[in-house]
Protein backbone atom coordinates (compact mmCIF):
# COMPACT_ATOMS: atom_id res chain seq x y z
CA MET A 1 87.01 143.99 104.67
CA LYS A 2 90.63 144.00 104.59
CA PHE A 3 93.01 141.04 105.23
CA PRO A 4 96.63 141.51 105.97
CA VAL A 5 99.06 139.89 103.23
CA HIS A 6 99.84 136.70 105.31
CA SER A 7 96.14 136.16 105.87
CA ALA A 8 95.57 136.37 101.72
CA ARG A 9 98.48 133.81 101.43
CA PHE A 10 97.19 131.46 103.84
CA ILE A 11 93.69 131.52 102.65
CA ALA A 12 95.26 130.73 99.08
CA ALA A 13 97.33 128.14 100.39
CA PHE A 14 94.48 126.58 102.06
CA VAL A 15 92.23 126.56 99.18
CA LEU A 16 95.21 124.87 97.04
CA ILE A 17 95.65 122.40 99.56
CA THR A 18 91.92 121.38 100.24
CA GLY A 19 91.32 121.40 96.52
CA THR A 20 94.13 119.07 95.73
CA MET A 21 93.44 116.71 98.47
CA MET A 22 89.45 116.57 97.20
CA LEU A 23 90.76 115.49 93.75
CA THR A 24 93.18 113.01 94.84
CA SER A 25 90.54 111.42 96.95
CA CYS A 26 88.19 110.97 94.14
CA THR A 27 90.71 108.89 92.06
CA VAL A 28 89.93 105.71 93.39
CA LYS A 29 91.14 102.42 92.16
CA THR A 30 88.16 100.70 90.28
CA GLY A 31 87.98 97.17 90.24
CA ALA A 32 89.41 94.71 92.28
CA HIS A 33 93.00 95.08 93.89
CA ILE A 34 95.16 93.06 96.37
CA THR A 35 96.16 94.92 99.59
CA LYS A 36 98.06 92.43 101.14
CA VAL A 37 99.27 88.96 101.17
CA ASN A 38 100.15 87.13 104.38
CA PRO A 39 102.30 83.79 103.67
CA TYR A 40 102.71 81.48 106.83
CA HIS A 41 105.04 78.35 106.50
CA LEU A 42 104.29 75.92 109.30
CA GLU A 43 107.50 73.75 109.37
CA PRO A 44 107.92 70.23 110.60
CA GLY A 45 110.07 70.10 113.99
CA TYR A 46 109.64 74.07 114.25
CA SER A 47 108.09 75.37 117.52
CA PRO A 48 108.30 79.24 117.92
CA GLY A 49 110.36 79.57 120.99
CA THR A 50 109.42 83.26 121.25
CA ASP A 51 107.67 85.67 123.56
CA GLU A 52 105.99 87.39 121.00
CA GLN A 53 102.27 86.46 121.26
CA MET A 54 101.10 86.71 117.73
CA ILE A 55 103.70 84.41 116.35
CA ASP A 56 102.94 82.14 118.99
CA PHE A 57 99.10 82.17 118.67
CA GLU A 58 99.41 81.68 114.78
CA TYR A 59 101.17 78.42 115.53
CA ARG A 60 98.67 77.43 118.19
CA ARG A 61 95.79 78.05 115.79
CA LYS A 62 97.13 76.18 112.88
CA THR A 63 98.09 73.16 115.13
CA TYR A 64 94.72 73.29 117.34
CA GLY A 65 93.45 69.53 117.44
CA ALA A 66 96.46 68.08 116.47
CA VAL A 67 96.99 64.88 118.88
CA THR A 68 98.89 62.53 116.94
CA ALA A 69 102.01 62.70 114.73
CA LYS A 70 100.06 62.33 111.67
CA ASP A 71 97.59 65.04 112.69
CA PHE A 72 100.55 67.31 113.02
CA CYS A 73 102.12 66.25 109.85
CA ASP A 74 98.68 66.86 107.86
CA ARG A 75 98.84 70.37 109.00
CA TYR A 76 102.65 71.07 108.06
CA GLY A 77 102.90 73.33 104.97
CA ASN A 78 102.38 76.77 103.38
CA TYR A 79 99.18 78.98 104.05
CA TYR A 80 98.48 82.14 102.25
CA THR A 81 95.86 84.74 103.23
CA ILE A 82 95.00 87.51 100.42
CA PHE A 83 93.44 90.60 101.41
CA TRP A 84 91.57 92.28 98.55
CA LYS A 85 89.12 94.98 98.11
CA THR A 86 86.52 95.50 95.24
CA SER A 87 84.52 98.51 94.27
CA ASN A 88 82.32 96.45 92.05
CA CYS A 89 80.44 94.19 94.23
CA SER A 90 77.99 93.08 91.92
CA SER A 91 80.39 91.10 89.58
CA PRO A 92 81.85 87.51 90.78
CA VAL A 93 85.81 87.12 91.25
CA THR A 94 88.21 84.42 91.18
CA VAL A 95 90.81 84.64 93.31
CA ARG A 96 94.02 82.59 91.97
CA LEU A 97 97.03 81.50 93.69
CA GLN A 98 99.83 80.29 91.27
CA TYR A 99 103.01 78.62 92.97
CA ARG A 100 106.01 76.36 92.76
CA GLN A 101 107.17 73.84 94.76
CA ALA A 102 110.81 72.83 96.06
CA ALA A 103 110.63 69.12 94.73
CA THR A 104 108.74 69.94 91.40
CA GLY A 105 111.10 72.32 89.66
CA PRO A 106 109.63 74.66 87.26
CA LYS A 107 106.05 73.36 87.49
CA ILE A 108 103.23 75.66 88.24
CA PHE A 109 100.70 74.81 90.43
CA ILE A 110 97.21 76.65 90.47
CA GLN A 111 94.37 77.00 93.07
CA GLU A 112 91.46 79.27 92.47
CA LYS A 113 88.40 80.14 94.56
CA LEU A 114 85.47 81.80 93.14
CA VAL A 115 83.65 84.54 95.23
CA GLU A 116 80.14 85.01 93.83
CA LEU A 117 79.13 87.99 95.98
CA PRO A 118 82.42 89.92 97.07
CA LYS A 119 82.05 92.70 99.68
CA ARG A 120 83.99 95.88 99.49
CA ALA A 121 86.91 94.38 101.64
CA ASN A 122 87.52 90.53 101.26
CA THR A 123 89.80 87.83 102.64
CA THR A 124 90.61 84.57 100.64
CA LYS A 125 92.57 81.81 102.45
CA PHE A 126 94.99 79.20 100.29
CA GLU A 127 96.57 75.80 101.82
CA ILE A 128 99.10 73.75 100.45
CA ILE A 129 99.41 71.18 103.41
CA GLY A 130 99.56 67.38 103.81
CA ASP A 131 100.44 65.08 101.17
CA ASP A 132 100.81 67.75 98.48
CA TYR A 133 103.53 69.57 101.05
CA ALA A 134 105.18 66.29 102.02
CA LYS A 135 105.75 64.94 98.65
CA GLN A 136 106.60 68.04 96.50
CA GLY A 137 108.26 70.27 99.25
CA ALA A 138 107.81 74.00 100.60
CA VAL A 139 106.36 76.51 98.18
CA THR A 140 109.52 78.43 96.73
CA GLN A 141 107.60 81.43 94.89
CA TRP A 142 104.17 82.27 94.26
CA LYS A 143 101.81 84.92 92.59
CA ALA A 144 98.39 86.02 93.66
CA SER A 145 96.03 87.04 91.00
CA ILE A 146 92.30 88.86 91.06
CA MET A 147 90.41 88.21 87.98
CA GLN A 148 87.06 89.73 87.13
CA ASP A 149 85.15 89.26 83.98
CA ASP A 150 87.77 86.58 82.63
CA ALA A 151 90.45 89.13 83.01
CA VAL A 152 93.35 89.67 85.77
CA VAL A 153 92.49 93.11 87.28
CA ASP A 154 95.66 92.95 89.78
CA GLU A 155 98.50 90.68 91.13
CA PHE A 156 101.04 90.29 93.82
CA LYS A 157 104.01 88.36 93.42
CA SER A 158 106.73 86.95 95.80
CA PHE A 159 110.15 88.27 95.13
CA LEU A 160 111.24 85.14 93.44
CA TRP A 161 108.56 84.84 91.06
CA GLN A 162 109.46 84.86 87.46
């Protein structure tokens, strides 16, 4: 059976593209890696005056159950949600958030959470709220890290982190 020249080129291009796609799909990042970090700053005296339902929902979710002024003050601060994935679900992972706050200058604060049995896709949340936020101010810069087997395998930094 004879194929026209343009069909042979089409088949050759198809085989080349398919082979390339198969090879690139096999290059999966091993270990753990951060896919996204969602920072949220709940400020005193701020109420989102917006029609955007997602922004309004986040504010209401953070302040849900607050009745007194002290309840609201205890919820003001910085919230961080770190989304990360791992290909090694048998090894524990430590998620670390390092940050600096407005009233503390160059001092670095650290919060860590150990995940004993990670899944393929994970979410870890950190909060800098209450007295820490009231006395030391808002977070000015941060860095999220994933540690596995006592080694940093991935990190995600804010623009201002040095």
